[in-house]
């Protein structure tokens, strides 16, 4: 797998939250909401950080969130953190084979010669359905457990290939997911007028 250490991450890092959310983080520290068995399988539990304003641009372009009515924080990572770096479909496939080794034997379309990336959204969803039919509950925490045990987070560089051919199409933008939020500090980003 490809990795990157936090001291090599030089991009502008931000986090968008409500004004109330920012006040809570400043008073109580950054907390991760654990959604338990209802969390999206495709996303690990963590503190989500935008790289170079990519999340803010996506929200504005999709009219998903009013960035101007939110608080944007600068995020600073502690040094020497280790992130799994995802920048290609091969990186995504390697990660999901590490996360779910049995995917190697999971054939989504056995009757066809069609071959999709291992990390394809349909392939992962099909695997989850197969497991549910066998009585096995597949949760985000169980899927991402191997990554949670070896590194501090995921460093994701969005691209059209990753968006269209992998499970990362649910991530929408270049971002970092930090598994332990105590490894970051924040400050309110001052608006330039």
Protein backbone atom coordinates (compact mmCIF):
# COMPACT_ATOMS: atom_id res chain seq x y z
CA UNK A 1 0.00 0.00 0.00
CA UNK A 2 1.00 3.59 -0.50
CA UNK A 3 1.45 5.69 2.60
CA UNK A 4 2.09 9.33 3.39
CA UNK A 5 3.32 10.82 6.66
CA UNK A 6 1.63 13.92 8.02
CA UNK A 7 4.82 15.97 7.86
CA UNK A 8 4.70 15.61 4.03
CA UNK A 9 1.13 16.90 3.81
CA UNK A 10 1.51 20.56 2.87
CA UNK A 11 -1.95 21.29 1.46
CA UNK A 12 -4.41 23.64 3.13
CA UNK A 13 -6.56 21.50 5.47
CA UNK A 14 -10.01 22.61 6.62
CA UNK A 15 -13.13 21.27 8.32
CA UNK A 16 -16.61 22.73 7.87
CA UNK A 17 -19.13 22.59 10.70
CA UNK A 18 -22.06 24.50 12.09
CA UNK A 19 -21.35 27.45 14.39
CA UNK A 20 -22.68 25.36 17.28
CA UNK A 21 -20.45 22.43 16.22
CA UNK A 22 -17.40 24.69 16.24
CA UNK A 23 -18.25 26.01 19.72
CA UNK A 24 -18.66 22.43 20.95
CA UNK A 25 -15.30 21.37 19.50
CA UNK A 26 -13.60 24.32 21.16
CA UNK A 27 -15.24 23.53 24.52
CA UNK A 28 -15.21 19.72 24.49
CA UNK A 29 -12.60 18.72 21.91
CA UNK A 30 -13.21 17.10 18.55
CA UNK A 31 -15.54 14.11 18.91
CA UNK A 32 -16.38 11.40 16.39
CA UNK A 33 -20.00 10.40 16.15
CA UNK A 34 -20.09 6.61 16.19
CA UNK A 35 -23.05 5.51 14.09
CA UNK A 36 -22.59 1.87 15.14
CA UNK A 37 -24.20 -0.73 12.88
CA UNK A 38 -25.97 2.01 10.88
CA UNK A 39 -22.81 3.74 9.65
CA UNK A 40 -22.18 3.70 5.93
CA UNK A 41 -19.98 0.74 5.13
CA UNK A 42 -18.09 2.87 2.63
CA UNK A 43 -16.76 5.36 5.14
CA UNK A 44 -14.59 4.69 8.19
CA UNK A 45 -15.34 6.39 11.49
CA UNK A 46 -13.24 9.52 11.84
CA UNK A 47 -12.82 13.27 11.66
CA UNK A 48 -13.21 14.44 8.05
CA UNK A 49 -10.83 17.07 6.70
CA UNK A 50 -11.03 18.85 3.35
CA UNK A 51 -7.87 19.14 1.23
CA UNK A 52 -7.39 22.54 -0.46
CA UNK A 53 -11.08 23.46 -0.05
CA UNK A 54 -12.32 20.57 -2.20
CA UNK A 55 -15.24 19.79 0.16
CA UNK A 56 -16.24 23.44 0.28
CA UNK A 57 -16.25 23.65 -3.55
CA UNK A 58 -18.28 20.43 -3.80
CA UNK A 59 -20.87 21.67 -1.29
CA UNK A 60 -21.24 24.99 -3.08
CA UNK A 61 -21.41 23.40 -6.56
CA UNK A 62 -23.98 20.80 -5.47
CA UNK A 63 -25.88 23.26 -3.23
CA UNK A 64 -25.44 20.68 -0.46
CA UNK A 65 -24.49 23.03 2.36
CA UNK A 66 -24.32 26.80 2.75
CA UNK A 67 -20.61 27.22 3.43
CA UNK A 68 -21.05 30.92 4.13
CA UNK A 69 -23.48 30.11 6.97
CA UNK A 70 -21.06 27.56 8.48
CA UNK A 71 -17.80 27.79 10.35
CA UNK A 72 -14.72 26.75 8.41
CA UNK A 73 -11.79 25.69 10.57
CA UNK A 74 -8.13 25.41 9.71
CA UNK A 75 -6.90 21.95 10.68
CA UNK A 76 -3.36 21.16 11.83
CA UNK A 77 -2.15 17.56 12.04
CA UNK A 78 0.38 16.32 14.55
CA UNK A 79 3.71 15.30 12.99
CA UNK A 80 4.62 11.69 12.20
CA UNK A 81 1.10 10.41 11.60
CA UNK A 82 0.78 7.62 9.04
CA UNK A 83 -1.97 7.70 6.40
CA UNK A 84 -2.87 5.17 3.73
CA UNK A 85 -2.73 7.16 0.48
CA UNK A 86 -5.40 6.44 -2.13
CA UNK A 87 -4.81 8.10 -5.49
CA UNK A 88 -5.49 5.31 -8.05
CA UNK A 89 -7.96 2.49 -8.61
CA UNK A 90 -5.09 0.06 -7.91
CA UNK A 91 -4.57 1.75 -4.52
CA UNK A 92 -8.29 1.36 -3.77
CA UNK A 93 -8.27 -2.31 -4.81
CA UNK A 94 -5.20 -3.01 -2.68
CA UNK A 95 -6.80 -1.29 0.32
CA UNK A 96 -10.06 -3.24 0.06
CA UNK A 97 -8.23 -6.53 -0.40
CA UNK A 98 -6.38 -5.68 2.82
CA UNK A 99 -9.64 -4.68 4.56
CA UNK A 100 -11.67 -7.63 3.28
CA UNK A 101 -9.27 -10.42 2.19
CA UNK A 102 -12.15 -12.70 1.17
CA UNK A 103 -13.03 -10.27 -1.66
CA UNK A 104 -10.33 -12.05 -3.64
CA UNK A 105 -12.72 -15.01 -3.90
CA UNK A 106 -15.91 -13.00 -4.29
CA UNK A 107 -17.13 -13.07 -7.89
CA UNK A 108 -19.93 -10.60 -8.52
CA UNK A 109 -20.83 -11.85 -12.03
CA UNK A 110 -19.66 -15.49 -12.32
CA UNK A 111 -21.70 -16.06 -15.49
CA UNK A 112 -20.02 -13.15 -17.35
CA UNK A 113 -16.47 -12.29 -18.26
CA UNK A 114 -17.10 -8.77 -16.95
CA UNK A 115 -14.41 -7.77 -14.53
CA UNK A 116 -14.85 -4.76 -12.29
CA UNK A 117 -12.32 -3.31 -9.88
CA UNK A 118 -12.24 -5.16 -6.58
CA UNK A 119 -13.16 -1.91 -4.84
CA UNK A 120 -16.19 -1.24 -7.06
CA UNK A 121 -19.22 0.03 -5.10
CA UNK A 122 -21.45 -2.73 -6.50
CA UNK A 123 -18.88 -5.40 -5.66
CA UNK A 124 -18.54 -4.26 -2.04
CA UNK A 125 -22.33 -3.94 -1.68
CA UNK A 126 -22.79 -7.42 -3.15
CA UNK A 127 -20.25 -8.78 -0.67
CA UNK A 128 -22.17 -7.15 2.19
CA UNK A 129 -25.47 -8.64 0.98
CA UNK A 130 -23.87 -12.09 0.65
CA UNK A 131 -22.60 -11.83 4.22
CA UNK A 132 -26.00 -10.70 5.53
CA UNK A 133 -27.63 -13.69 3.81
CA UNK A 134 -25.17 -15.91 5.69
CA UNK A 135 -26.11 -14.23 8.97
CA UNK A 136 -22.93 -12.14 9.24
CA UNK A 137 -23.33 -8.45 10.04
CA UNK A 138 -20.81 -6.33 8.16
CA UNK A 139 -20.33 -2.91 9.74
CA UNK A 140 -18.14 0.05 8.84
CA UNK A 141 -16.07 -0.50 11.97
CA UNK A 142 -15.51 -4.19 11.17
CA UNK A 143 -14.61 -3.49 7.53
CA UNK A 144 -12.21 -0.67 8.39
CA UNK A 145 -10.80 -2.43 11.47
CA UNK A 146 -7.55 -3.48 9.78
CA UNK A 147 -6.85 0.12 8.74
CA UNK A 148 -7.83 1.47 12.17
CA UNK A 149 -5.18 -0.85 13.65
CA UNK A 150 -2.22 0.07 11.41
CA UNK A 151 -2.45 3.77 10.62
CA UNK A 152 -3.83 7.13 11.65
CA UNK A 153 -6.20 7.63 8.74
CA UNK A 154 -6.79 7.73 5.01
CA UNK A 155 -5.43 10.39 2.65
CA UNK A 156 -7.70 10.39 -0.42
CA UNK A 157 -6.95 12.20 -3.68
CA UNK A 158 -10.17 12.39 -5.69
CA UNK A 159 -10.13 11.60 -9.41
CA UNK A 160 -12.67 10.66 -12.06
CA UNK A 161 -11.28 7.09 -12.16
CA UNK A 162 -11.73 6.65 -8.41
CA UNK A 163 -15.12 8.35 -8.50
CA UNK A 164 -16.53 6.22 -11.32
CA UNK A 165 -14.85 2.87 -10.67
CA UNK A 166 -14.56 2.43 -6.90
CA UNK A 167 -16.39 2.66 -3.62
CA UNK A 168 -14.72 6.06 -3.18
CA UNK A 169 -17.38 7.65 -5.37
CA UNK A 170 -19.18 8.21 -2.04
CA UNK A 171 -16.33 10.43 -0.77
CA UNK A 172 -17.03 13.30 -3.23
CA UNK A 173 -13.76 15.20 -2.84
CA UNK A 174 -10.10 15.09 -1.88
CA UNK A 175 -9.98 14.63 1.87
CA UNK A 176 -8.38 13.09 4.91
CA UNK A 177 -10.23 10.97 7.39
CA UNK A 178 -8.39 11.04 10.72
CA UNK A 179 -9.24 8.08 12.94
CA UNK A 180 -8.24 9.74 16.22
CA UNK A 181 -9.28 13.40 16.35
CA UNK A 182 -6.88 14.13 19.21
CA UNK A 183 -4.18 14.03 16.52
CA UNK A 184 -5.42 17.36 15.15
CA UNK A 185 -6.00 20.89 16.36
CA UNK A 186 -8.30 23.45 14.80
CA UNK A 187 -8.69 27.19 14.67
CA UNK A 188 -11.41 29.28 13.11
CA UNK A 189 -10.56 30.33 9.59
CA UNK A 190 -10.78 34.08 9.22
CA UNK A 191 -12.80 35.22 6.23
CA UNK A 192 -11.12 37.54 3.76
CA UNK A 193 -13.27 40.46 2.68
